[in-house]
Amino acid sequence: MNTNLTISEATVLSYIDSLAIKKGYCFASNDSICMALNLNDRTLYRILKNLENKEYITRKTKSLGNDGKERKIYVNPSVRNVSSM
C-alpha cells in the first residue's frame, strides 16, 4: 500500500473515516463532502480516485433504478489500524 498522501487526500480520508465509524461505511454524497471540506467536485473526484488507486478506500455503487444510485465508501481496515496508533 502506498503511504504517500497529499494533505487534501489525508483530509478527505480522515473525514470519510469519521463518517464511517457508525455503520462501517460512509454514505455521504459528493456535494456534502465538498461543502464540509470546501472542495470543488472535480477535486473531490480526483482525490477519491487517488485514494481508491492507493487502496485506502473502496467505493461500491448500486443502481436504485429511477431513484438514482447508492454509494458506499469503505475505508481499508489496515488504514484504520494505522491511524489509531
Protein backbone atom coordinates (compact mmCIF):
# COMPACT_ATOMS: atom_id res chain seq x y z
CA MET A 1 0.00 0.00 0.00
CA ASN A 2 1.27 3.45 -0.91
CA THR A 3 1.63 5.67 2.17
CA ASN A 4 2.28 8.91 0.30
CA LEU A 5 -0.83 11.03 0.76
CA THR A 6 -1.24 14.68 -0.04
CA ILE A 7 -2.72 16.91 2.65
CA SER A 8 -6.00 17.01 0.70
CA GLU A 9 -6.11 13.21 0.39
CA ALA A 10 -5.38 12.77 4.10
CA THR A 11 -8.11 15.28 4.98
CA VAL A 12 -10.72 13.55 2.81
CA LEU A 13 -9.68 10.12 4.09
CA SER A 14 -9.93 11.28 7.70
CA TYR A 15 -13.36 12.82 7.08
CA ILE A 16 -14.67 9.68 5.34
CA ASP A 17 -13.27 7.52 8.13
CA SER A 18 -15.04 9.62 10.76
CA LEU A 19 -18.35 9.29 8.88
CA ALA A 20 -17.87 5.52 8.51
CA ILE A 21 -17.50 4.81 12.23
CA LYS A 22 -21.18 4.16 12.98
CA LYS A 23 -22.20 1.97 10.01
CA GLY A 24 -18.82 0.75 8.77
CA TYR A 25 -19.07 2.79 5.58
CA CYS A 26 -19.55 6.39 4.51
CA PHE A 27 -22.70 7.19 2.57
CA ALA A 28 -22.22 10.97 2.28
CA SER A 29 -22.77 12.47 -1.15
CA ASN A 30 -20.04 14.25 -3.03
CA ASP A 31 -21.94 17.50 -2.51
CA SER A 32 -21.98 17.12 1.28
CA ILE A 33 -18.29 16.17 1.40
CA CYS A 34 -17.42 19.12 -0.85
CA MET A 35 -19.40 21.53 1.34
CA ALA A 36 -17.88 20.21 4.57
CA LEU A 37 -14.30 20.35 3.30
CA ASN A 38 -14.63 23.36 0.98
CA LEU A 39 -13.66 21.42 -2.16
CA ASN A 40 -14.98 21.55 -5.70
CA ASP A 41 -16.49 18.47 -7.38
CA ARG A 42 -13.59 17.80 -9.72
CA THR A 43 -11.05 17.99 -6.90
CA LEU A 44 -13.03 15.55 -4.75
CA TYR A 45 -13.49 13.17 -7.69
CA ARG A 46 -9.72 13.15 -8.28
CA ILE A 47 -8.97 12.65 -4.57
CA LEU A 48 -11.42 9.74 -4.27
CA LYS A 49 -9.94 8.13 -7.36
CA ASN A 50 -6.41 8.52 -5.95
CA LEU A 51 -7.44 7.08 -2.56
CA GLU A 52 -9.01 4.10 -4.32
CA ASN A 53 -5.94 3.57 -6.52
CA LYS A 54 -3.72 3.68 -3.41
CA GLU A 55 -6.07 1.12 -1.77
CA TYR A 56 -7.11 3.35 1.12
CA ILE A 57 -10.81 3.17 0.23
CA THR A 58 -13.22 1.02 -1.75
CA ARG A 59 -16.30 2.51 -3.40
CA LYS A 60 -19.35 0.37 -4.08
CA THR A 61 -22.21 1.80 -6.12
CA LYS A 62 -25.61 0.20 -6.55
CA SER A 63 -28.27 1.35 -9.01
CA LEU A 64 -31.65 2.12 -7.46
CA GLY A 65 -33.49 2.29 -10.77
CA ASN A 66 -35.33 5.59 -11.21
CA ASP A 67 -34.24 6.68 -7.72
CA GLY A 68 -30.60 7.07 -8.80
CA LYS A 69 -27.64 5.37 -7.18
CA GLU A 70 -26.49 4.43 -3.72
CA ARG A 71 -22.77 4.69 -2.97
CA LYS A 72 -20.91 3.30 0.00
CA ILE A 73 -17.28 4.19 0.70
CA TYR A 74 -15.38 1.69 2.84
CA VAL A 75 -12.07 2.57 4.49
CA ASN A 76 -9.47 -0.20 4.29
CA PRO A 77 -9.26 -1.74 7.80
CA SER A 78 -5.44 -1.66 7.75
CA VAL A 79 -5.61 2.13 7.25
CA ARG A 80 -7.89 2.46 10.25
CA ASN A 81 -5.44 0.43 12.37
CA VAL A 82 -2.50 2.61 11.34
CA SER A 83 -4.37 5.87 12.00
CA SER A 84 -5.35 4.77 15.54
CA MET A 85 -1.73 4.23 16.63
